[in-house]
Structure formats: C-alpha cells, structure tokens
PDB file of N, CA and C in Angstrom:
ATOM      1  N   MET A   1      51.725 -29.992 -86.531  1.00  0.00           N
ATOM      2  CA  MET A   1      51.156 -28.697 -86.238  1.00  0.00           C
ATOM      3  C   MET A   1      50.118 -28.847 -85.136  1.00  0.00           C
ATOM      4  N   PRO A   2      50.200 -28.022 -84.079  1.00  0.00           N
ATOM      5  CA  PRO A   2      49.227 -28.137 -82.997  1.00  0.00           C
ATOM      6  C   PRO A   2      47.842 -27.670 -83.432  1.00  0.00           C
ATOM      7  N   ARG A   3      46.849 -28.268 -82.833  1.00  0.00           N
ATOM      8  CA  ARG A   3      45.469 -27.870 -83.120  1.00  0.00           C
ATOM      9  C   ARG A   3      45.183 -26.509 -82.505  1.00  0.00           C
ATOM     10  N   PRO A   4      44.383 -25.689 -83.163  1.00  0.00           N
ATOM     11  CA  PRO A   4      44.007 -24.417 -82.550  1.00  0.00           C
ATOM     12  C   PRO A   4      42.998 -24.651 -81.420  1.00  0.00           C
ATOM     13  N   PHE A   5      43.087 -23.849 -80.400  1.00  0.00           N
ATOM     14  CA  PHE A   5      42.147 -23.947 -79.295  1.00  0.00           C
ATOM     15  C   PHE A   5      40.923 -23.107 -79.605  1.00  0.00           C
ATOM     16  N   THR A   6      39.771 -23.599 -79.235  1.00  0.00           N
ATOM     17  CA  THR A   6      38.542 -22.834 -79.397  1.00  0.00           C
ATOM     18  C   THR A   6      38.124 -22.280 -78.046  1.00  0.00           C
ATOM     19  N   ARG A   7      37.337 -21.239 -78.092  1.00  0.00           N
ATOM     20  CA  ARG A   7      36.863 -20.607 -76.864  1.00  0.00           C
ATOM     21  C   ARG A   7      35.774 -21.478 -76.249  1.00  0.00           C
ATOM     22  N   LYS A   8      35.844 -21.670 -74.930  1.00  0.00           N
ATOM     23  CA  LYS A   8      34.831 -22.422 -74.204  1.00  0.00           C
ATOM     24  C   LYS A   8      34.446 -21.605 -72.984  1.00  0.00           C
ATOM     25  N   LEU A   9      33.191 -21.235 -72.884  1.00  0.00           N
ATOM     26  CA  LEU A   9      32.718 -20.432 -71.763  1.00  0.00           C
ATOM     27  C   LEU A   9      32.273 -21.333 -70.615  1.00  0.00           C
ATOM     28  N   PRO A  10      32.289 -20.805 -69.382  1.00  0.00           N
ATOM     29  CA  PRO A  10      31.852 -21.609 -68.231  1.00  0.00           C
ATOM     30  C   PRO A  10      30.403 -22.030 -68.363  1.00  0.00           C
ATOM     31  N   ALA A  11      30.075 -23.144 -67.748  1.00  0.00           N
ATOM     32  CA  ALA A  11      28.740 -23.725 -67.869  1.00  0.00           C
ATOM     33  C   ALA A  11      27.762 -23.243 -66.801  1.00  0.00           C
ATOM     34  N   HIS A  12      27.988 -22.385 -65.947  1.00  0.00           N
ATOM     35  CA  HIS A  12      27.049 -21.757 -65.005  1.00  0.00           C
ATOM     36  C   HIS A  12      26.048 -22.688 -64.321  1.00  0.00           C
ATOM     37  N   HIS A  13      26.367 -23.940 -64.153  1.00  0.00           N
ATOM     38  CA  HIS A  13      25.515 -24.813 -63.346  1.00  0.00           C
ATOM     39  C   HIS A  13      26.427 -25.747 -62.565  1.00  0.00           C
ATOM     40  N   GLY A  14      25.988 -26.111 -61.390  1.00  0.00           N
ATOM     41  CA  GLY A  14      26.851 -26.892 -60.513  1.00  0.00           C
ATOM     42  C   GLY A  14      27.830 -25.981 -59.784  1.00  0.00           C
ATOM     43  N   CYS A  15      28.725 -26.580 -59.019  1.00  0.00           N
ATOM     44  CA  CYS A  15      29.644 -25.753 -58.237  1.00  0.00           C
ATOM     45  C   CYS A  15      31.002 -25.604 -58.907  1.00  0.00           C
ATOM     46  N   PHE A  16      31.325 -26.396 -59.948  1.00  0.00           N
ATOM     47  CA  PHE A  16      32.616 -26.295 -60.622  1.00  0.00           C
ATOM     48  C   PHE A  16      32.405 -26.037 -62.106  1.00  0.00           C
ATOM     49  N   SER A  17      33.236 -25.159 -62.660  1.00  0.00           N
ATOM     50  CA  SER A  17      33.164 -24.861 -64.077  1.00  0.00           C
ATOM     51  C   SER A  17      34.522 -24.359 -64.539  1.00  0.00           C
ATOM     52  N   TYR A  18      34.736 -24.348 -65.846  1.00  0.00           N
ATOM     53  CA  TYR A  18      35.987 -23.806 -66.359  1.00  0.00           C
ATOM     54  C   TYR A  18      35.745 -23.090 -67.680  1.00  0.00           C
ATOM     55  N   ALA A  19      36.704 -22.227 -68.025  1.00  0.00           N
ATOM     56  CA  ALA A  19      36.671 -21.522 -69.302  1.00  0.00           C
ATOM     57  C   ALA A  19      38.023 -21.685 -69.972  1.00  0.00           C
ATOM     58  N   ARG A  20      38.009 -21.760 -71.297  1.00  0.00           N
ATOM     59  CA  ARG A  20      39.240 -21.848 -72.087  1.00  0.00           C
ATOM     60  C   ARG A  20      39.249 -20.649 -73.024  1.00  0.00           C
ATOM     61  N   ILE A  21      40.292 -19.814 -72.917  1.00  0.00           N
ATOM     62  CA  ILE A  21      40.370 -18.605 -73.717  1.00  0.00           C
ATOM     63  C   ILE A  21      41.657 -18.624 -74.540  1.00  0.00           C
ATOM     64  N   PRO A  22      41.540 -18.730 -75.865  1.00  0.00           N
ATOM     65  CA  PRO A  22      42.750 -18.687 -76.692  1.00  0.00           C
ATOM     66  C   PRO A  22      43.344 -17.287 -76.677  1.00  0.00           C
ATOM     67  N   GLY A  23      44.683 -17.220 -76.765  1.00  0.00           N
ATOM     68  CA  GLY A  23      45.364 -15.929 -76.822  1.00  0.00           C
ATOM     69  C   GLY A  23      45.210 -15.296 -78.188  1.00  0.00           C
ATOM     70  N   HIS A  24      45.621 -14.050 -78.282  1.00  0.00           N
ATOM     71  CA  HIS A  24      45.520 -13.319 -79.550  1.00  0.00           C
ATOM     72  C   HIS A  24      46.786 -13.538 -80.375  1.00  0.00           C
ATOM     73  N   GLU A  25      46.616 -13.769 -81.638  1.00  0.00           N
ATOM     74  CA  GLU A  25      47.748 -13.928 -82.547  1.00  0.00           C
ATOM     75  C   GLU A  25      48.126 -12.548 -83.079  1.00  0.00           C
ATOM     76  N   THR A  26      49.251 -12.026 -82.615  1.00  0.00           N
ATOM     77  CA  THR A  26      49.662 -10.691 -83.063  1.00  0.00           C
ATOM     78  C   THR A  26      50.734 -10.759 -84.142  1.00  0.00           C
ATOM     79  N   THR A  27      51.556 -11.803 -84.138  1.00  0.00           N
ATOM     80  CA  THR A  27      52.652 -11.896 -85.105  1.00  0.00           C
ATOM     81  C   THR A  27      52.419 -12.975 -86.140  1.00  0.00           C
ATOM     82  N   GLY A  28      51.284 -13.594 -86.141  1.00  0.00           N
ATOM     83  CA  GLY A  28      51.009 -14.679 -87.070  1.00  0.00           C
ATOM     84  C   GLY A  28      51.365 -16.041 -86.490  1.00  0.00           C
ATOM     85  N   ALA A  29      52.131 -16.066 -85.395  1.00  0.00           N
ATOM     86  CA  ALA A  29      52.478 -17.316 -84.735  1.00  0.00           C
ATOM     87  C   ALA A  29      51.302 -17.764 -83.870  1.00  0.00           C
ATOM     88  N   PRO A  30      51.164 -19.071 -83.632  1.00  0.00           N
ATOM     89  CA  PRO A  30      50.066 -19.531 -82.776  1.00  0.00           C
ATOM     90  C   PRO A  30      50.197 -18.932 -81.375  1.00  0.00           C
ATOM     91  N   ALA A  31      49.099 -18.531 -80.823  1.00  0.00           N
ATOM     92  CA  ALA A  31      49.081 -17.931 -79.498  1.00  0.00           C
ATOM     93  C   ALA A  31      48.821 -18.996 -78.446  1.00  0.00           C
ATOM     94  N   GLY A  32      49.107 -18.683 -77.207  1.00  0.00           N
ATOM     95  CA  GLY A  32      48.862 -19.605 -76.102  1.00  0.00           C
ATOM     96  C   GLY A  32      47.387 -19.660 -75.745  1.00  0.00           C
ATOM     97  N   VAL A  33      47.111 -20.316 -74.638  1.00  0.00           N
ATOM     98  CA  VAL A  33      45.740 -20.466 -74.184  1.00  0.00           C
ATOM     99  C   VAL A  33      45.704 -20.270 -72.669  1.00  0.00           C
ATOM    100  N   THR A  34      44.611 -19.696 -72.180  1.00  0.00           N
ATOM    101  CA  THR A  34      44.409 -19.489 -70.750  1.00  0.00           C
ATOM    102  C   THR A  34      43.213 -20.318 -70.309  1.00  0.00           C
ATOM    103  N   TYR A  35      43.391 -21.046 -69.210  1.00  0.00           N
ATOM    104  CA  TYR A  35      42.293 -21.789 -68.595  1.00  0.00           C
ATOM    105  C   TYR A  35      41.943 -21.112 -67.284  1.00  0.00           C
ATOM    106  N   ARG A  36      40.663 -20.888 -67.056  1.00  0.00           N
ATOM    107  CA  ARG A  36      40.168 -20.347 -65.786  1.00  0.00           C
ATOM    108  C   ARG A  36      39.223 -21.370 -65.181  1.00  0.00           C
ATOM    109  N   LEU A  37      39.549 -21.801 -63.972  1.00  0.00           N
ATOM    110  CA  LEU A  37      38.721 -22.771 -63.259  1.00  0.00           C
ATOM    111  C   LEU A  37      37.957 -22.037 -62.171  1.00  0.00           C
ATOM    112  N   PHE A  38      36.668 -22.315 -62.038  1.00  0.00           N
ATOM    113  CA  PHE A  38      35.796 -21.634 -61.086  1.00  0.00           C
ATOM    114  C   PHE A  38      35.109 -22.639 -60.172  1.00  0.00           C
ATOM    115  N   ARG A  39      34.915 -22.216 -58.925  1.00  0.00           N
ATOM    116  CA  ARG A  39      34.133 -23.032 -57.986  1.00  0.00           C
ATOM    117  C   ARG A  39      33.484 -22.102 -56.964  1.00  0.00           C
ATOM    118  N   ARG A  40      32.248 -22.409 -56.608  1.00  0.00           N
ATOM    119  CA  ARG A  40      31.530 -21.610 -55.614  1.00  0.00           C
ATOM    120  C   ARG A  40      31.580 -22.294 -54.258  1.00  0.00           C
ATOM    121  N   ASP A  41      31.668 -21.468 -53.193  1.00  0.00           N
ATOM    122  CA  ASP A  41      31.615 -22.020 -51.842  1.00  0.00           C
ATOM    123  C   ASP A  41      30.164 -22.050 -51.373  1.00  0.00           C
ATOM    124  N   GLN A  42      29.946 -22.506 -50.149  1.00  0.00           N
ATOM    125  CA  GLN A  42      28.588 -22.636 -49.607  1.00  0.00           C
ATOM    126  C   GLN A  42      27.871 -21.299 -49.491  1.00  0.00           C
ATOM    127  N   ALA A  43      28.629 -20.215 -49.342  1.00  0.00           N
ATOM    128  CA  ALA A  43      28.017 -18.889 -49.238  1.00  0.00           C
ATOM    129  C   ALA A  43      27.701 -18.300 -50.608  1.00  0.00           C
ATOM    130  N   GLY A  44      28.124 -18.972 -51.667  1.00  0.00           N
ATOM    131  CA  GLY A  44      27.849 -18.504 -53.021  1.00  0.00           C
ATOM    132  C   GLY A  44      28.955 -17.662 -53.623  1.00  0.00           C
ATOM    133  N   ALA A  45      30.048 -17.447 -52.884  1.00  0.00           N
ATOM    134  CA  ALA A  45      31.163 -16.665 -53.413  1.00  0.00           C
ATOM    135  C   ALA A  45      31.926 -17.475 -54.461  1.00  0.00           C
ATOM    136  N   LEU A  46      32.383 -16.794 -55.487  1.00  0.00           N
ATOM    137  CA  LEU A  46      33.087 -17.451 -56.575  1.00  0.00           C
ATOM    138  C   LEU A  46      34.595 -17.383 -56.341  1.00  0.00           C
ATOM    139  N   HIS A  47      35.279 -18.504 -56.519  1.00  0.00           N
ATOM    140  CA  HIS A  47      36.728 -18.594 -56.376  1.00  0.00           C
ATOM    141  C   HIS A  47      37.289 -19.108 -57.698  1.00  0.00           C
ATOM    142  N   ALA A  48      38.497 -18.665 -58.051  1.00  0.00           N
ATOM    143  CA  ALA A  48      39.051 -19.031 -59.358  1.00  0.00           C
ATOM    144  C   ALA A  48      40.540 -19.335 -59.273  1.00  0.00           C
ATOM    145  N   GLU A  49      40.986 -20.172 -60.186  1.00  0.00           N
ATOM    146  CA  GLU A  49      42.406 -20.464 -60.435  1.00  0.00           C
ATOM    147  C   GLU A  49      42.618 -20.234 -61.926  1.00  0.00           C
ATOM    148  N   THR A  50      43.736 -19.632 -62.286  1.00  0.00           N
ATOM    149  CA  THR A  50      44.037 -19.354 -63.683  1.00  0.00           C
ATOM    150  C   THR A  50      45.373 -19.971 -64.053  1.00  0.00           C
ATOM    151  N   ARG A  51      45.441 -20.584 -65.220  1.00  0.00           N
ATOM    152  CA  ARG A  51      46.688 -21.150 -65.733  1.00  0.00           C
ATOM    153  C   ARG A  51      46.853 -20.733 -67.189  1.00  0.00           C
ATOM    154  N   ASN A  52      48.051 -20.274 -67.534  1.00  0.00           N
ATOM    155  CA  ASN A  52      48.389 -19.886 -68.903  1.00  0.00           C
ATOM    156  C   ASN A  52      49.368 -20.900 -69.484  1.00  0.00           C
ATOM    157  N   PHE A  53      49.179 -21.239 -70.748  1.00  0.00           N
ATOM    158  CA  PHE A  53      50.042 -22.194 -71.427  1.00  0.00           C
ATOM    159  C   PHE A  53      50.491 -21.623 -72.764  1.00  0.00           C
ATOM    160  N   HIS A  54      51.762 -21.830 -73.111  1.00  0.00           N
ATOM    161  CA  HIS A  54      52.268 -21.370 -74.399  1.00  0.00           C
ATOM    162  C   HIS A  54      51.937 -22.413 -75.461  1.00  0.00           C
ATOM    163  N   PRO A  55      52.044 -22.054 -76.723  1.00  0.00           N
ATOM    164  CA  PRO A  55      51.597 -22.953 -77.791  1.00  0.00           C
ATOM    165  C   PRO A  55      52.360 -24.266 -77.873  1.00  0.00           C
ATOM    166  N   GLY A  56      53.589 -24.331 -77.388  1.00  0.00           N
ATOM    167  CA  GLY A  56      54.373 -25.545 -77.505  1.00  0.00           C
ATOM    168  C   GLY A  56      54.122 -26.582 -76.421  1.00  0.00           C
ATOM    169  N   CYS A  57      53.259 -26.292 -75.454  1.00  0.00           N
ATOM    170  CA  CYS A  57      52.983 -27.232 -74.353  1.00  0.00           C
ATOM    171  C   CYS A  57      52.273 -28.477 -74.889  1.00  0.00           C
ATOM    172  N   SER A  58      52.681 -29.618 -74.385  1.00  0.00           N
ATOM    173  CA  SER A  58      52.009 -30.857 -74.782  1.00  0.00           C
ATOM    174  C   SER A  58      50.673 -30.968 -74.046  1.00  0.00           C
ATOM    175  N   ARG A  59      49.773 -31.724 -74.613  1.00  0.00           N
ATOM    176  CA  ARG A  59      48.464 -31.923 -73.978  1.00  0.00           C
ATOM    177  C   ARG A  59      48.611 -32.612 -72.626  1.00  0.00           C
ATOM    178  N   HIS A  60      49.605 -33.487 -72.536  1.00  0.00           N
ATOM    179  CA  HIS A  60      49.856 -34.183 -71.267  1.00  0.00           C
ATOM    180  C   HIS A  60      50.243 -33.180 -70.172  1.00  0.00           C
ATOM    181  N   LEU A  61      51.111 -32.240 -70.491  1.00  0.00           N
ATOM    182  CA  LEU A  61      51.523 -31.217 -69.530  1.00  0.00           C
ATOM    183  C   LEU A  61      50.353 -30.325 -69.135  1.00  0.00           C
ATOM    184  N   VAL A  62      49.552 -29.926 -70.120  1.00  0.00           N
ATOM    185  CA  VAL A  62      48.383 -29.078 -69.848  1.00  0.00           C
ATOM    186  C   VAL A  62      47.406 -29.809 -68.930  1.00  0.00           C
ATOM    187  N   ALA A  63      47.121 -31.081 -69.242  1.00  0.00           N
ATOM    188  CA  ALA A  63      46.174 -31.859 -68.438  1.00  0.00           C
ATOM    189  C   ALA A  63      46.687 -32.044 -67.017  1.00  0.00           C
ATOM    190  N   ALA A  64      47.972 -32.333 -66.859  1.00  0.00           N
ATOM    191  CA  ALA A  64      48.539 -32.524 -65.525  1.00  0.00           C
ATOM    192  C   ALA A  64      48.482 -31.231 -64.716  1.00  0.00           C
ATOM    193  N   GLU A  65      48.822 -30.120 -65.338  1.00  0.00           N
ATOM    194  CA  GLU A  65      48.816 -28.826 -64.639  1.00  0.00           C
ATOM    195  C   GLU A  65      47.392 -28.408 -64.274  1.00  0.00           C
ATOM    196  N   LEU A  66      46.423 -28.667 -65.151  1.00  0.00           N
ATOM    197  CA  LEU A  66      45.031 -28.343 -64.840  1.00  0.00           C
ATOM    198  C   LEU A  66      44.489 -29.220 -63.718  1.00  0.00           C
ATOM    199  N   ASN A  67      44.938 -30.448 -63.657  1.00  0.00           N
ATOM    200  CA  ASN A  67      44.527 -31.332 -62.576  1.00  0.00           C
ATOM    201  C   ASN A  67      45.034 -30.803 -61.233  1.00  0.00           C
ATOM    202  N   VAL A  68      46.280 -30.350 -61.202  1.00  0.00           N
ATOM    203  CA  VAL A  68      46.847 -29.765 -59.983  1.00  0.00           C
ATOM    204  C   VAL A  68      46.064 -28.510 -59.591  1.00  0.00           C
ATOM    205  N   ALA A  69      45.767 -27.652 -60.567  1.00  0.00           N
ATOM    206  CA  ALA A  69      45.020 -26.419 -60.291  1.00  0.00           C
ATOM    207  C   ALA A  69      43.619 -26.731 -59.767  1.00  0.00           C
ATOM    208  N   ARG A  70      42.981 -27.752 -60.334  1.00  0.00           N
ATOM    209  CA  ARG A  70      41.635 -28.133 -59.883  1.00  0.00           C
ATOM    210  C   ARG A  70      41.663 -28.596 -58.434  1.00  0.00           C
ATOM    211  N   HIS A  71      42.676 -29.377 -58.078  1.00  0.00           N
ATOM    212  CA  HIS A  71      42.801 -29.845 -56.695  1.00  0.00           C
ATOM    213  C   HIS A  71      43.115 -28.696 -55.737  1.00  0.00           C
ATOM    214  N   GLN A  72      43.948 -27.744 -56.160  1.00  0.00           N
ATOM    215  CA  GLN A  72      44.235 -26.580 -55.326  1.00  0.00           C
ATOM    216  C   GLN A  72      42.962 -25.779 -55.081  1.00  0.00           C
ATOM    217  N   LEU A  73      42.186 -25.565 -56.125  1.00  0.00           N
ATOM    218  CA  LEU A  73      40.931 -24.824 -55.991  1.00  0.00           C
ATOM    219  C   LEU A  73      39.961 -25.567 -55.085  1.00  0.00           C
ATOM    220  N   ARG A  74      39.844 -26.874 -55.263  1.00  0.00           N
ATOM    221  CA  ARG A  74      38.957 -27.677 -54.415  1.00  0.00           C
ATOM    222  C   ARG A  74      39.360 -27.584 -52.955  1.00  0.00           C
ATOM    223  N   ASN A  75      40.657 -27.705 -52.668  1.00  0.00           N
ATOM    224  CA  ASN A  75      41.127 -27.639 -51.289  1.00  0.00           C
ATOM    225  C   ASN A  75      40.866 -26.272 -50.666  1.00  0.00           C
ATOM    226  N   THR A  76      41.086 -25.225 -51.424  1.00  0.00           N
ATOM    227  CA  THR A  76      40.837 -23.869 -50.926  1.00  0.00           C
ATOM    228  C   THR A  76      39.365 -23.671 -50.586  1.00  0.00           C
ATOM    229  N   VAL A  77      38.488 -24.061 -51.497  1.00  0.00           N
ATOM    230  CA  VAL A  77      37.051 -23.879 -51.280  1.00  0.00           C
ATOM    231  C   VAL A  77      36.560 -24.791 -50.158  1.00  0.00           C
ATOM    232  N   ASP A  78      37.078 -25.999 -50.063  1.00  0.00           N
ATOM    233  CA  ASP A  78      36.685 -26.900 -48.973  1.00  0.00           C
ATOM    234  C   ASP A  78      37.078 -26.328 -47.612  1.00  0.00           C
ATOM    235  N   GLU A  79      38.250 -25.703 -47.509  1.00  0.00           N
ATOM    236  CA  GLU A  79      38.653 -25.063 -46.249  1.00  0.00           C
ATOM    237  C   GLU A  79      37.690 -23.940 -45.877  1.00  0.00           C
ATOM    238  N   ILE A  80      37.290 -23.155 -46.879  1.00  0.00           N
ATOM    239  CA  ILE A  80      36.338 -22.063 -46.642  1.00  0.00           C
ATOM    240  C   ILE A  80      34.996 -22.630 -46.208  1.00  0.00           C
ATOM    241  N   ASP A  81      34.534 -23.684 -46.876  1.00  0.00           N
ATOM    242  CA  ASP A  81      33.253 -24.303 -46.526  1.00  0.00           C
ATOM    243  C   ASP A  81      33.280 -24.860 -45.098  1.00  0.00           C
ATOM    244  N   LEU A  82      34.369 -25.496 -44.712  1.00  0.00           N
ATOM    245  CA  LEU A  82      34.478 -26.032 -43.349  1.00  0.00           C
ATOM    246  C   LEU A  82      34.463 -24.902 -42.324  1.00  0.00           C
ATOM    247  N   ALA A  83      35.120 -23.803 -42.641  1.00  0.00           N
ATOM    248  CA  ALA A  83      35.108 -22.650 -41.735  1.00  0.00           C
ATOM    249  C   ALA A  83      33.693 -22.064 -41.629  1.00  0.00           C
ATOM    250  N   LEU A  84      32.967 -22.020 -42.738  1.00  0.00           N
ATOM    251  CA  LEU A  84      31.593 -21.511 -42.728  1.00  0.00           C
ATOM    252  C   LEU A  84      30.679 -22.405 -41.885  1.00  0.00           C
ATOM    253  N   MET A  85      30.960 -23.705 -41.886  1.00  0.00           N
ATOM    254  CA  MET A  85      30.147 -24.636 -41.095  1.00  0.00           C
ATOM    255  C   MET A  85      30.598 -24.672 -39.643  1.00  0.00           C
ATOM    256  N   GLY A  86      31.727 -24.032 -39.330  1.00  0.00           N
ATOM    257  CA  GLY A  86      32.210 -23.999 -37.961  1.00  0.00           C
ATOM    258  C   GLY A  86      32.949 -25.253 -37.531  1.00  0.00           C
ATOM    259  N   VAL A  87      33.419 -26.036 -38.494  1.00  0.00           N
ATOM    260  CA  VAL A  87      34.120 -27.278 -38.176  1.00  0.00           C
ATOM    261  C   VAL A  87      35.580 -27.005 -37.843  1.00  0.00           C
ATOM    262  N   VAL A  88      36.167 -26.036 -38.495  1.00  0.00           N
ATOM    263  CA  VAL A  88      37.593 -25.726 -38.278  1.00  0.00           C
ATOM    264  C   VAL A  88      37.726 -24.536 -37.363  1.00  0.00           C
TER     265      VAL A  88
END
C-alpha cells in the first residue's frame, strides 16, 4: 500500500522552493499528488513549474520527473537573469 502524501507548503526563503499538494479523495481511492516548484529571478518575479502524479507512480519516477522539472525551471530563470544583466 502506498504511503499517503502530506501537504508541504513552500519555504519562502532563498530563491528556490517547492510545494506538495495531495489530491482530494472523492471515491475512497487514493488520490494523486501535485508538486509545484518555484524560483525567483533577479527582478523578484516568481516562476513556477507544476507536475501532477497519479497514485500508482513509483517514487523513482516521481523523483526523476521532479529533477527534470527543477532543471527546466532553473534554465528558464537563468535565461531571464542573463537577459536582465544584458549578457544575452
């Protein structure tokens, strides 16, 4: 039986944070979970990536997909930061 996910709110310090939001159980079956990854650019604007997972996903798959999302978010914000600095 999979472990239930608990809610985790973003930590509001530093430039990277994430939130974990469990889905609602409407039929009695375990619900999925949503991860929201946040990062601020040099101007202070907030950027986010969201990933949804169904209850049957393995932890390995979730971790791998979140790693990809984190890198996508980092690359996006880094491009914005370089443009703000006038490098690109």
